Amino acid sequence: MNSIKKSAALSFQSDIQAYKKSVVQISTHDSKGTGFSISEDGRNFITNAHVIEDALSLTVYFPERRYI
């Protein structure tokens, strides 16, 4: 229970808020996963290979916007 309180407190810190904005959700026809944006324009990101393996197309969802 203490870790939940600590996590909640940390989530309001300004640097944590900035990091949260870089987390993306990645969807393909057959899978879904998460990743991290590594560029200012959001066109470059890192995810695990199994999330995008064999995908012909994918959609990347940001907390505030969507890229196709």
N, C-alpha and C. Protein backbone atom coordinates (compact mmCIF):
# COMPACT_ATOMS: atom_id res chain seq x y z
N MET A 1 0.82 -1.19 0.00
CA MET A 1 0.00 0.00 0.00
C MET A 1 0.86 1.26 0.00
N ASN A 2 1.99 1.21 0.67
CA ASN A 2 2.88 2.35 0.73
C ASN A 2 3.44 2.70 -0.65
N SER A 3 3.70 1.67 -1.48
CA SER A 3 4.23 1.94 -2.82
C SER A 3 3.19 2.62 -3.70
N ILE A 4 1.93 2.35 -3.49
CA ILE A 4 0.87 3.01 -4.26
C ILE A 4 0.82 4.49 -3.90
N LYS A 5 0.94 4.81 -2.64
CA LYS A 5 0.95 6.21 -2.21
C LYS A 5 2.17 6.94 -2.78
N LYS A 6 3.32 6.28 -2.75
CA LYS A 6 4.54 6.89 -3.28
C LYS A 6 4.41 7.12 -4.78
N SER A 7 3.86 6.15 -5.50
CA SER A 7 3.66 6.28 -6.94
C SER A 7 2.72 7.44 -7.26
N ALA A 8 1.66 7.56 -6.50
CA ALA A 8 0.71 8.65 -6.71
C ALA A 8 1.37 10.00 -6.48
N ALA A 9 2.18 10.09 -5.44
CA ALA A 9 2.88 11.35 -5.13
C ALA A 9 3.88 11.69 -6.24
N LEU A 10 4.61 10.70 -6.72
CA LEU A 10 5.59 10.94 -7.78
C LEU A 10 4.94 11.37 -9.09
N SER A 11 3.76 10.86 -9.37
CA SER A 11 3.13 11.14 -10.65
C SER A 11 2.77 12.61 -10.83
N PHE A 12 2.77 13.38 -9.76
CA PHE A 12 2.46 14.81 -9.87
C PHE A 12 3.71 15.68 -10.00
N GLN A 13 4.89 15.09 -9.90
CA GLN A 13 6.11 15.87 -10.04
C GLN A 13 6.29 16.29 -11.50
N SER A 14 6.83 17.48 -11.71
CA SER A 14 6.92 18.03 -13.06
C SER A 14 7.79 17.19 -13.99
N ASP A 15 8.90 16.65 -13.50
CA ASP A 15 9.74 15.84 -14.39
C ASP A 15 9.05 14.54 -14.78
N ILE A 16 8.31 13.96 -13.86
CA ILE A 16 7.56 12.73 -14.17
C ILE A 16 6.47 13.04 -15.19
N GLN A 17 5.81 14.18 -15.06
CA GLN A 17 4.79 14.58 -16.03
C GLN A 17 5.39 14.69 -17.43
N ALA A 18 6.60 15.22 -17.52
CA ALA A 18 7.27 15.34 -18.82
C ALA A 18 7.58 13.97 -19.39
N TYR A 19 8.05 13.05 -18.58
CA TYR A 19 8.35 11.69 -19.06
C TYR A 19 7.09 10.98 -19.52
N LYS A 20 5.99 11.17 -18.83
CA LYS A 20 4.73 10.52 -19.20
C LYS A 20 4.29 10.90 -20.60
N LYS A 21 4.61 12.13 -21.03
CA LYS A 21 4.22 12.59 -22.35
C LYS A 21 4.94 11.84 -23.46
N SER A 22 6.05 11.19 -23.15
CA SER A 22 6.79 10.47 -24.18
C SER A 22 6.35 9.00 -24.32
N VAL A 23 5.51 8.52 -23.43
CA VAL A 23 5.03 7.14 -23.50
C VAL A 23 3.96 7.05 -24.58
N VAL A 24 4.10 6.08 -25.46
CA VAL A 24 3.15 5.89 -26.55
C VAL A 24 2.55 4.49 -26.50
N GLN A 25 1.38 4.36 -27.09
CA GLN A 25 0.76 3.05 -27.29
C GLN A 25 0.88 2.75 -28.77
N ILE A 26 1.30 1.55 -29.11
CA ILE A 26 1.50 1.15 -30.49
C ILE A 26 0.56 0.00 -30.81
N SER A 27 -0.21 0.16 -31.88
CA SER A 27 -1.15 -0.88 -32.31
C SER A 27 -0.84 -1.30 -33.73
N THR A 28 -0.87 -2.60 -33.96
CA THR A 28 -0.79 -3.16 -35.30
C THR A 28 -2.05 -3.98 -35.50
N HIS A 29 -2.15 -4.62 -36.64
CA HIS A 29 -3.32 -5.46 -36.90
C HIS A 29 -3.42 -6.59 -35.88
N ASP A 30 -2.27 -7.11 -35.45
CA ASP A 30 -2.26 -8.30 -34.60
C ASP A 30 -1.77 -8.09 -33.18
N SER A 31 -1.24 -6.91 -32.86
CA SER A 31 -0.69 -6.75 -31.51
C SER A 31 -0.83 -5.33 -31.01
N LYS A 32 -0.53 -5.18 -29.74
CA LYS A 32 -0.59 -3.88 -29.09
C LYS A 32 0.50 -3.85 -28.03
N GLY A 33 1.15 -2.71 -27.88
CA GLY A 33 2.19 -2.58 -26.86
C GLY A 33 2.47 -1.11 -26.58
N THR A 34 3.51 -0.87 -25.84
CA THR A 34 3.90 0.49 -25.51
C THR A 34 5.32 0.76 -25.98
N GLY A 35 5.68 2.02 -25.97
CA GLY A 35 7.02 2.44 -26.35
C GLY A 35 7.28 3.83 -25.83
N PHE A 36 8.37 4.42 -26.29
CA PHE A 36 8.77 5.75 -25.86
C PHE A 36 9.17 6.58 -27.06
N SER A 37 8.65 7.79 -27.13
CA SER A 37 9.08 8.73 -28.16
C SER A 37 10.48 9.21 -27.81
N ILE A 38 11.35 9.26 -28.82
CA ILE A 38 12.73 9.69 -28.57
C ILE A 38 13.12 10.91 -29.39
N SER A 39 12.12 11.57 -30.00
CA SER A 39 12.41 12.78 -30.76
C SER A 39 11.35 13.83 -30.47
N GLU A 40 11.71 15.07 -30.67
CA GLU A 40 10.80 16.19 -30.42
C GLU A 40 9.54 16.12 -31.29
N ASP A 41 9.69 15.68 -32.54
CA ASP A 41 8.55 15.65 -33.45
C ASP A 41 7.70 14.39 -33.30
N GLY A 42 8.13 13.44 -32.49
CA GLY A 42 7.36 12.23 -32.24
C GLY A 42 7.41 11.20 -33.35
N ARG A 43 8.28 11.38 -34.31
CA ARG A 43 8.35 10.43 -35.43
C ARG A 43 9.32 9.28 -35.20
N ASN A 44 10.06 9.33 -34.13
CA ASN A 44 10.98 8.25 -33.78
C ASN A 44 10.64 7.75 -32.39
N PHE A 45 10.54 6.44 -32.28
CA PHE A 45 10.20 5.86 -30.99
C PHE A 45 10.87 4.50 -30.84
N ILE A 46 10.90 4.03 -29.61
CA ILE A 46 11.49 2.73 -29.28
C ILE A 46 10.39 1.85 -28.70
N THR A 47 10.35 0.60 -29.14
CA THR A 47 9.44 -0.39 -28.59
C THR A 47 10.12 -1.75 -28.69
N ASN A 48 9.51 -2.76 -28.16
CA ASN A 48 10.03 -4.12 -28.27
C ASN A 48 9.73 -4.68 -29.65
N ALA A 49 10.64 -5.49 -30.15
CA ALA A 49 10.50 -6.06 -31.50
C ALA A 49 9.22 -6.87 -31.65
N HIS A 50 8.81 -7.59 -30.61
CA HIS A 50 7.61 -8.43 -30.76
C HIS A 50 6.34 -7.62 -30.96
N VAL A 51 6.35 -6.34 -30.59
CA VAL A 51 5.17 -5.50 -30.76
C VAL A 51 4.93 -5.21 -32.24
N ILE A 52 5.99 -4.99 -33.00
CA ILE A 52 5.84 -4.60 -34.41
C ILE A 52 6.29 -5.68 -35.39
N GLU A 53 6.68 -6.82 -34.89
CA GLU A 53 7.16 -7.91 -35.74
C GLU A 53 6.12 -8.28 -36.80
N ASP A 54 6.54 -8.33 -38.04
CA ASP A 54 5.71 -8.71 -39.19
C ASP A 54 4.59 -7.72 -39.50
N ALA A 55 4.58 -6.56 -38.88
CA ALA A 55 3.52 -5.57 -39.14
C ALA A 55 3.76 -4.86 -40.46
N LEU A 56 2.72 -4.71 -41.24
CA LEU A 56 2.79 -3.94 -42.48
C LEU A 56 2.46 -2.47 -42.23
N SER A 57 1.71 -2.21 -41.18
CA SER A 57 1.39 -0.84 -40.79
C SER A 57 1.17 -0.82 -39.28
N LEU A 58 1.26 0.38 -38.72
CA LEU A 58 1.02 0.52 -37.29
C LEU A 58 0.48 1.90 -36.99
N THR A 59 -0.13 2.02 -35.83
CA THR A 59 -0.63 3.30 -35.36
C THR A 59 0.01 3.59 -34.02
N VAL A 60 0.50 4.81 -33.85
CA VAL A 60 1.13 5.22 -32.61
C VAL A 60 0.24 6.26 -31.96
N TYR A 61 -0.19 5.98 -30.75
CA TYR A 61 -1.05 6.88 -30.00
C TYR A 61 -0.23 7.58 -28.91
N PHE A 62 -0.26 8.89 -28.93
CA PHE A 62 0.36 9.69 -27.88
C PHE A 62 -0.72 10.08 -26.88
N PRO A 63 -0.33 10.46 -25.67
CA PRO A 63 -1.33 10.86 -24.68
C PRO A 63 -2.21 12.02 -25.18
N GLU A 64 -1.67 12.89 -26.03
CA GLU A 64 -2.42 14.08 -26.44
C GLU A 64 -2.79 14.10 -27.92
N ARG A 65 -2.29 13.16 -28.72
CA ARG A 65 -2.56 13.18 -30.14
C ARG A 65 -2.36 11.79 -30.74
N ARG A 66 -2.67 11.63 -32.03
CA ARG A 66 -2.55 10.34 -32.69
C ARG A 66 -1.80 10.48 -33.99
N TYR A 67 -0.87 9.58 -34.25
CA TYR A 67 -0.18 9.50 -35.54
C TYR A 67 -0.54 8.19 -36.22
N ILE A 68 -0.64 8.24 -37.51
CA ILE A 68 -0.90 7.00 -38.26
C ILE A 68 0.28 6.74 -39.17
